[in-house]
PDB file of all heavy atoms in Angstrom:
ATOM      1  N   TYR A   1       2.489   8.551  -6.934  1.00  0.00           N
ATOM      2  CA  TYR A   1       2.997   7.365  -7.586  1.00  0.00           C
ATOM      3  C   TYR A   1       2.148   7.134  -8.832  1.00  0.00           C
ATOM      4  O   TYR A   1       0.974   7.427  -8.928  1.00  0.00           O
ATOM      5  CB  TYR A   1       2.864   6.104  -6.718  1.00  0.00           C
ATOM      6  CG  TYR A   1       3.696   6.152  -5.469  1.00  0.00           C
ATOM      7  CD1 TYR A   1       3.094   6.115  -4.241  1.00  0.00           C
ATOM      8  CD2 TYR A   1       5.105   6.187  -5.481  1.00  0.00           C
ATOM      9  CE1 TYR A   1       3.846   6.134  -3.046  1.00  0.00           C
ATOM     10  CE2 TYR A   1       5.849   6.260  -4.333  1.00  0.00           C
ATOM     11  CZ  TYR A   1       5.177   6.226  -3.130  1.00  0.00           C
ATOM     12  OH  TYR A   1       5.927   6.296  -1.924  1.00  0.00           O
ATOM     13  N   ASP A   2       2.789   6.491  -9.816  1.00  0.00           N
ATOM     14  CA  ASP A   2       2.156   6.288 -11.081  1.00  0.00           C
ATOM     15  C   ASP A   2       1.081   5.271 -11.029  1.00  0.00           C
ATOM     16  O   ASP A   2       0.070   5.357 -11.790  1.00  0.00           O
ATOM     17  CB  ASP A   2       3.156   5.795 -12.178  1.00  0.00           C
ATOM     18  CG  ASP A   2       4.165   6.905 -12.552  1.00  0.00           C
ATOM     19  OD1 ASP A   2       3.820   8.107 -12.388  1.00  0.00           O
ATOM     20  OD2 ASP A   2       5.280   6.546 -12.943  1.00  0.00           O
ATOM     21  N   ALA A   3       1.121   4.254 -10.157  1.00  0.00           N
ATOM     22  CA  ALA A   3       0.152   3.192 -10.154  1.00  0.00           C
ATOM     23  C   ALA A   3      -0.155   2.714  -8.716  1.00  0.00           C
ATOM     24  O   ALA A   3       0.765   2.564  -7.904  1.00  0.00           O
ATOM     25  CB  ALA A   3       0.582   2.035 -10.968  1.00  0.00           C
ATOM     26  N   ASN A   4      -1.410   2.473  -8.425  1.00  0.00           N
ATOM     27  CA  ASN A   4      -1.814   1.987  -7.095  1.00  0.00           C
ATOM     28  C   ASN A   4      -1.899   0.464  -7.088  1.00  0.00           C
ATOM     29  O   ASN A   4      -2.931  -0.158  -6.977  1.00  0.00           O
ATOM     30  CB  ASN A   4      -3.215   2.618  -6.741  1.00  0.00           C
ATOM     31  CG  ASN A   4      -3.590   2.298  -5.273  1.00  0.00           C
ATOM     32  OD1 ASN A   4      -2.721   2.105  -4.489  1.00  0.00           O
ATOM     33  ND2 ASN A   4      -4.858   2.287  -5.041  1.00  0.00           N
ATOM     34  N   ASN A   5      -0.728  -0.137  -7.257  1.00  0.00           N
ATOM     35  CA  ASN A   5      -0.606  -1.582  -7.395  1.00  0.00           C
ATOM     36  C   ASN A   5      -0.802  -2.235  -5.989  1.00  0.00           C
ATOM     37  O   ASN A   5      -0.541  -1.634  -5.021  1.00  0.00           O
ATOM     38  CB  ASN A   5       0.688  -1.956  -7.962  1.00  0.00           C
ATOM     39  CG  ASN A   5       0.814  -1.500  -9.388  1.00  0.00           C
ATOM     40  OD1 ASN A   5      -0.178  -1.334 -10.099  1.00  0.00           O
ATOM     41  ND2 ASN A   5       2.041  -1.170  -9.851  1.00  0.00           N
ATOM     42  N   ALA A   6      -1.225  -3.507  -6.051  1.00  0.00           N
ATOM     43  CA  ALA A   6      -1.410  -4.273  -4.801  1.00  0.00           C
ATOM     44  C   ALA A   6      -0.182  -5.046  -4.507  1.00  0.00           C
ATOM     45  O   ALA A   6       0.572  -5.417  -5.374  1.00  0.00           O
ATOM     46  CB  ALA A   6      -2.628  -5.224  -4.997  1.00  0.00           C
ATOM     47  N   ARG A   7      -0.050  -5.375  -3.249  1.00  0.00           N
ATOM     48  CA  ARG A   7       1.024  -6.239  -2.711  1.00  0.00           C
ATOM     49  C   ARG A   7       0.359  -7.217  -1.725  1.00  0.00           C
ATOM     50  O   ARG A   7      -0.698  -6.916  -1.132  1.00  0.00           O
ATOM     51  CB  ARG A   7       2.103  -5.440  -1.996  1.00  0.00           C
ATOM     52  CG  ARG A   7       2.826  -4.481  -2.840  1.00  0.00           C
ATOM     53  CD  ARG A   7       3.843  -3.690  -2.000  1.00  0.00           C
ATOM     54  NE  ARG A   7       4.450  -2.646  -2.771  1.00  0.00           N
ATOM     55  CZ  ARG A   7       5.734  -2.482  -2.992  1.00  0.00           C
ATOM     56  NH1 ARG A   7       6.610  -3.392  -2.453  1.00  0.00           N
ATOM     57  NH2 ARG A   7       6.199  -1.476  -3.690  1.00  0.00           N
ATOM     58  N   THR A   8       0.997  -8.361  -1.514  1.00  0.00           N
ATOM     59  CA  THR A   8       0.464  -9.330  -0.587  1.00  0.00           C
ATOM     60  C   THR A   8       1.589 -10.191   0.030  1.00  0.00           C
ATOM     61  O   THR A   8       2.609 -10.346  -0.619  1.00  0.00           O
ATOM     62  CB  THR A   8      -0.598 -10.252  -1.157  1.00  0.00           C
ATOM     63  OG1 THR A   8      -1.116 -11.112  -0.164  1.00  0.00           O
ATOM     64  CG2 THR A   8       0.016 -11.129  -2.303  1.00  0.00           C
ATOM     65  N   ASP A   9       1.417 -10.616   1.214  1.00  0.00           N
ATOM     66  CA  ASP A   9       2.343 -11.544   1.878  1.00  0.00           C
ATOM     67  C   ASP A   9       1.756 -12.942   1.854  1.00  0.00           C
ATOM     68  O   ASP A   9       2.266 -13.857   2.504  1.00  0.00           O
ATOM     69  CB  ASP A   9       2.737 -11.097   3.250  1.00  0.00           C
ATOM     70  CG  ASP A   9       1.519 -11.112   4.252  1.00  0.00           C
ATOM     71  OD1 ASP A   9       0.392 -11.419   3.835  1.00  0.00           O
ATOM     72  OD2 ASP A   9       1.761 -10.785   5.433  1.00  0.00           O
ATOM     73  N   GLY A  10       0.594 -13.149   1.206  1.00  0.00           N
ATOM     74  CA  GLY A  10      -0.100 -14.443   1.171  1.00  0.00           C
ATOM     75  C   GLY A  10      -1.225 -14.479   2.176  1.00  0.00           C
ATOM     76  O   GLY A  10      -2.105 -15.339   2.057  1.00  0.00           O
ATOM     77  N   VAL A  11      -1.218 -13.632   3.179  1.00  0.00           N
ATOM     78  CA  VAL A  11      -2.278 -13.574   4.185  1.00  0.00           C
ATOM     79  C   VAL A  11      -3.037 -12.235   4.040  1.00  0.00           C
ATOM     80  O   VAL A  11      -4.260 -12.177   4.016  1.00  0.00           O
ATOM     81  CB  VAL A  11      -1.722 -13.740   5.606  1.00  0.00           C
ATOM     82  CG1 VAL A  11      -2.808 -13.599   6.650  1.00  0.00           C
ATOM     83  CG2 VAL A  11      -1.056 -15.142   5.745  1.00  0.00           C
ATOM     84  N   TYR A  12      -2.238 -11.126   4.018  1.00  0.00           N
ATOM     85  CA  TYR A  12      -2.817  -9.796   3.930  1.00  0.00           C
ATOM     86  C   TYR A  12      -2.544  -9.222   2.559  1.00  0.00           C
ATOM     87  O   TYR A  12      -1.602  -9.600   1.881  1.00  0.00           O
ATOM     88  CB  TYR A  12      -2.205  -8.896   4.993  1.00  0.00           C
ATOM     89  CG  TYR A  12      -2.712  -9.075   6.391  1.00  0.00           C
ATOM     90  CD1 TYR A  12      -2.088 -10.072   7.227  1.00  0.00           C
ATOM     91  CD2 TYR A  12      -3.862  -8.447   6.783  1.00  0.00           C
ATOM     92  CE1 TYR A  12      -2.617 -10.260   8.468  1.00  0.00           C
ATOM     93  CE2 TYR A  12      -4.312  -8.644   8.115  1.00  0.00           C
ATOM     94  CZ  TYR A  12      -3.734  -9.567   8.954  1.00  0.00           C
ATOM     95  OH  TYR A  12      -4.261  -9.790  10.152  1.00  0.00           O
ATOM     96  N   GLN A  13      -3.417  -8.313   2.139  1.00  0.00           N
ATOM     97  CA  GLN A  13      -3.220  -7.635   0.929  1.00  0.00           C
ATOM     98  C   GLN A  13      -3.327  -6.119   1.218  1.00  0.00           C
ATOM     99  O   GLN A  13      -4.104  -5.739   2.024  1.00  0.00           O
ATOM    100  CB  GLN A  13      -4.250  -7.992  -0.083  1.00  0.00           C
ATOM    101  CG  GLN A  13      -4.115  -7.370  -1.448  1.00  0.00           C
ATOM    102  CD  GLN A  13      -5.082  -7.858  -2.479  1.00  0.00           C
ATOM    103  OE1 GLN A  13      -5.242  -9.108  -2.579  1.00  0.00           O
ATOM    104  NE2 GLN A  13      -5.693  -7.021  -3.229  1.00  0.00           N
ATOM    105  N   TRP A  14      -2.513  -5.334   0.456  1.00  0.00           N
ATOM    106  CA  TRP A  14      -2.565  -3.893   0.656  1.00  0.00           C
ATOM    107  C   TRP A  14      -2.189  -3.205  -0.642  1.00  0.00           C
ATOM    108  O   TRP A  14      -1.720  -3.856  -1.555  1.00  0.00           O
ATOM    109  CB  TRP A  14      -1.630  -3.435   1.778  1.00  0.00           C
ATOM    110  CG  TRP A  14      -0.226  -3.903   1.646  1.00  0.00           C
ATOM    111  CD1 TRP A  14       0.840  -3.187   1.003  1.00  0.00           C
ATOM    112  CD2 TRP A  14       0.369  -5.073   2.054  1.00  0.00           C
ATOM    113  NE1 TRP A  14       1.980  -3.858   1.046  1.00  0.00           N
ATOM    114  CE2 TRP A  14       1.735  -5.095   1.716  1.00  0.00           C
ATOM    115  CE3 TRP A  14      -0.103  -6.195   2.710  1.00  0.00           C
ATOM    116  CZ2 TRP A  14       2.608  -6.137   1.971  1.00  0.00           C
ATOM    117  CZ3 TRP A  14       0.735  -7.247   3.031  1.00  0.00           C
ATOM    118  CH2 TRP A  14       2.088  -7.194   2.606  1.00  0.00           C
ATOM    119  N   TYR A  15      -2.380  -1.895  -0.720  1.00  0.00           N
ATOM    120  CA  TYR A  15      -2.093  -1.112  -1.907  1.00  0.00           C
ATOM    121  C   TYR A  15      -1.087  -0.040  -1.642  1.00  0.00           C
ATOM    122  O   TYR A  15      -0.911   0.371  -0.504  1.00  0.00           O
ATOM    123  CB  TYR A  15      -3.405  -0.495  -2.428  1.00  0.00           C
ATOM    124  CG  TYR A  15      -4.401  -1.587  -2.855  1.00  0.00           C
ATOM    125  CD1 TYR A  15      -5.197  -2.191  -1.959  1.00  0.00           C
ATOM    126  CD2 TYR A  15      -4.391  -1.951  -4.176  1.00  0.00           C
ATOM    127  CE1 TYR A  15      -6.073  -3.193  -2.397  1.00  0.00           C
ATOM    128  CE2 TYR A  15      -5.289  -2.972  -4.610  1.00  0.00           C
ATOM    129  CZ  TYR A  15      -6.111  -3.623  -3.713  1.00  0.00           C
ATOM    130  OH  TYR A  15      -6.970  -4.578  -4.087  1.00  0.00           O
ATOM    131  N   GLU A  16      -0.511   0.482  -2.741  1.00  0.00           N
ATOM    132  CA  GLU A  16       0.489   1.557  -2.629  1.00  0.00           C
ATOM    133  C   GLU A  16      -0.114   2.753  -1.926  1.00  0.00           C
ATOM    134  O   GLU A  16       0.620   3.388  -1.140  1.00  0.00           O
ATOM    135  CB  GLU A  16       1.001   1.934  -4.021  1.00  0.00           C
ATOM    136  CG  GLU A  16       1.771   0.882  -4.727  1.00  0.00           C
ATOM    137  CD  GLU A  16       3.020   0.435  -4.036  1.00  0.00           C
ATOM    138  OE1 GLU A  16       3.710   1.256  -3.413  1.00  0.00           O
ATOM    139  OE2 GLU A  16       3.317  -0.789  -4.038  1.00  0.00           O
ATOM    140  N   THR A  17      -1.369   3.056  -2.109  1.00  0.00           N
ATOM    141  CA  THR A  17      -1.981   4.180  -1.438  1.00  0.00           C
ATOM    142  C   THR A  17      -1.948   4.041   0.082  1.00  0.00           C
ATOM    143  O   THR A  17      -1.766   5.030   0.828  1.00  0.00           O
ATOM    144  CB  THR A  17      -3.432   4.457  -1.965  1.00  0.00           C
ATOM    145  OG1 THR A  17      -3.858   5.721  -1.439  1.00  0.00           O
ATOM    146  CG2 THR A  17      -4.394   3.409  -1.555  1.00  0.00           C
ATOM    147  N   GLU A  18      -2.141   2.843   0.569  1.00  0.00           N
ATOM    148  CA  GLU A  18      -2.081   2.612   2.025  1.00  0.00           C
ATOM    149  C   GLU A  18      -0.663   2.744   2.537  1.00  0.00           C
ATOM    150  O   GLU A  18      -0.475   3.329   3.604  1.00  0.00           O
ATOM    151  CB  GLU A  18      -2.664   1.231   2.358  1.00  0.00           C
ATOM    152  CG  GLU A  18      -4.100   1.192   2.085  1.00  0.00           C
ATOM    153  CD  GLU A  18      -4.733  -0.212   1.950  1.00  0.00           C
ATOM    154  OE1 GLU A  18      -3.998  -1.163   1.615  1.00  0.00           O
ATOM    155  OE2 GLU A  18      -5.934  -0.329   2.105  1.00  0.00           O
ATOM    156  N   ILE A  19       0.320   2.318   1.796  1.00  0.00           N
ATOM    157  CA  ILE A  19       1.725   2.457   2.181  1.00  0.00           C
ATOM    158  C   ILE A  19       2.047   3.984   2.262  1.00  0.00           C
ATOM    159  O   ILE A  19       2.611   4.432   3.231  1.00  0.00           O
ATOM    160  CB  ILE A  19       2.668   1.788   1.227  1.00  0.00           C
ATOM    161  CG1 ILE A  19       2.495   0.247   1.243  1.00  0.00           C
ATOM    162  CG2 ILE A  19       4.146   2.102   1.532  1.00  0.00           C
ATOM    163  CD1 ILE A  19       3.278  -0.474   0.171  1.00  0.00           C
ATOM    164  N   TYR A  20       1.678   4.675   1.230  1.00  0.00           N
ATOM    165  CA  TYR A  20       1.932   6.131   1.208  1.00  0.00           C
ATOM    166  C   TYR A  20       1.344   6.833   2.352  1.00  0.00           C
ATOM    167  O   TYR A  20       1.966   7.636   3.070  1.00  0.00           O
ATOM    168  CB  TYR A  20       1.461   6.740  -0.143  1.00  0.00           C
ATOM    169  CG  TYR A  20       1.518   8.238  -0.142  1.00  0.00           C
ATOM    170  CD1 TYR A  20       2.750   8.849  -0.378  1.00  0.00           C
ATOM    171  CD2 TYR A  20       0.363   8.953   0.081  1.00  0.00           C
ATOM    172  CE1 TYR A  20       2.799  10.217  -0.319  1.00  0.00           C
ATOM    173  CE2 TYR A  20       0.444  10.377   0.143  1.00  0.00           C
ATOM    174  CZ  TYR A  20       1.677  11.002  -0.086  1.00  0.00           C
ATOM    175  OH  TYR A  20       1.752  12.334  -0.045  1.00  0.00           O
ATOM    176  N   HIS A  21       0.029   6.601   2.610  1.00  0.00           N
ATOM    177  CA  HIS A  21      -0.683   7.364   3.646  1.00  0.00           C
ATOM    178  C   HIS A  21      -0.289   6.865   5.032  1.00  0.00           C
ATOM    179  O   HIS A  21      -0.303   7.688   5.998  1.00  0.00           O
ATOM    180  CB  HIS A  21      -2.228   7.249   3.483  1.00  0.00           C
ATOM    181  CG  HIS A  21      -2.669   8.071   2.298  1.00  0.00           C
ATOM    182  ND1 HIS A  21      -2.699   7.631   0.989  1.00  0.00           N
ATOM    183  CD2 HIS A  21      -3.075   9.397   2.230  1.00  0.00           C
ATOM    184  CE1 HIS A  21      -3.131   8.575   0.207  1.00  0.00           C
ATOM    185  NE2 HIS A  21      -3.356   9.660   0.904  1.00  0.00           N
ATOM    186  N   PHE A  22       0.141   5.634   5.194  1.00  0.00           N
ATOM    187  CA  PHE A  22       0.708   5.191   6.460  1.00  0.00           C
ATOM    188  C   PHE A  22       2.034   5.894   6.729  1.00  0.00           C
ATOM    189  O   PHE A  22       2.237   6.357   7.830  1.00  0.00           O
ATOM    190  CB  PHE A  22       0.901   3.706   6.426  1.00  0.00           C
ATOM    191  CG  PHE A  22       1.572   3.137   7.667  1.00  0.00           C
ATOM    192  CD1 PHE A  22       0.943   3.115   8.884  1.00  0.00           C
ATOM    193  CD2 PHE A  22       2.887   2.600   7.559  1.00  0.00           C
ATOM    194  CE1 PHE A  22       1.598   2.628  10.055  1.00  0.00           C
ATOM    195  CE2 PHE A  22       3.538   2.103   8.680  1.00  0.00           C
ATOM    196  CZ  PHE A  22       2.850   2.115   9.903  1.00  0.00           C
ATOM    197  N   ASP A  23       2.841   5.955   5.709  1.00  0.00           N
ATOM    198  CA  ASP A  23       4.157   6.604   5.887  1.00  0.00           C
ATOM    199  C   ASP A  23       4.013   8.104   6.090  1.00  0.00           C
ATOM    200  O   ASP A  23       4.634   8.590   7.068  1.00  0.00           O
ATOM    201  CB  ASP A  23       5.021   6.319   4.636  1.00  0.00           C
ATOM    202  CG  ASP A  23       6.450   6.845   4.752  1.00  0.00           C
ATOM    203  OD1 ASP A  23       6.899   7.014   5.864  1.00  0.00           O
ATOM    204  OD2 ASP A  23       7.053   7.020   3.671  1.00  0.00           O
ATOM    205  N   LYS A  24       3.223   8.783   5.352  1.00  0.00           N
ATOM    206  CA  LYS A  24       3.141  10.238   5.442  1.00  0.00           C
ATOM    207  C   LYS A  24       2.258  10.741   6.556  1.00  0.00           C
ATOM    208  O   LYS A  24       2.575  11.758   7.206  1.00  0.00           O
ATOM    209  CB  LYS A  24       2.691  10.834   4.124  1.00  0.00           C
ATOM    210  CG  LYS A  24       2.670  12.338   4.124  1.00  0.00           C
ATOM    211  CD  LYS A  24       2.801  12.980   2.815  1.00  0.00           C
ATOM    212  CE  LYS A  24       2.821  14.481   2.991  1.00  0.00           C
ATOM    213  NZ  LYS A  24       3.336  15.146   1.882  1.00  0.00           N
ATOM    214  N   TYR A  25       1.082  10.078   6.753  1.00  0.00           N
ATOM    215  CA  TYR A  25       0.068  10.622   7.684  1.00  0.00           C
ATOM    216  C   TYR A  25      -0.251   9.671   8.855  1.00  0.00           C
ATOM    217  O   TYR A  25      -1.220   9.845   9.565  1.00  0.00           O
ATOM    218  CB  TYR A  25      -1.203  10.872   6.904  1.00  0.00           C
ATOM    219  CG  TYR A  25      -1.058  11.915   5.858  1.00  0.00           C
ATOM    220  CD1 TYR A  25      -1.105  11.597   4.496  1.00  0.00           C
ATOM    221  CD2 TYR A  25      -0.896  13.291   6.196  1.00  0.00           C
ATOM    222  CE1 TYR A  25      -0.998  12.533   3.514  1.00  0.00           C
ATOM    223  CE2 TYR A  25      -0.788  14.238   5.190  1.00  0.00           C
ATOM    224  CZ  TYR A  25      -0.833  13.901   3.876  1.00  0.00           C
ATOM    225  OH  TYR A  25      -0.707  14.804   2.873  1.00  0.00           O
ATOM    226  N   ASN A  26       0.540   8.610   9.032  1.00  0.00           N
ATOM    227  CA  ASN A  26       0.295   7.631  10.103  1.00  0.00           C
ATOM    228  C   ASN A  26      -1.174   7.077  10.007  1.00  0.00           C
ATOM    229  O   ASN A  26      -1.869   7.003  10.994  1.00  0.00           O
ATOM    230  CB  ASN A  26       0.493   8.278  11.486  1.00  0.00           C
ATOM    231  CG  ASN A  26       1.953   8.696  11.671  1.00  0.00           C
ATOM    232  OD1 ASN A  26       2.836   7.949  11.445  1.00  0.00           O
ATOM    233  ND2 ASN A  26       2.151   9.903  12.104  1.00  0.00           N
TER     234      ASN A  26
END
């Protein structure tokens, strides 16, 4: 991905790298 941007639901925060590695490598 071009950028490791952050996301939040207001309680938790995460980054694109965590989404990617969760999806691909559990």
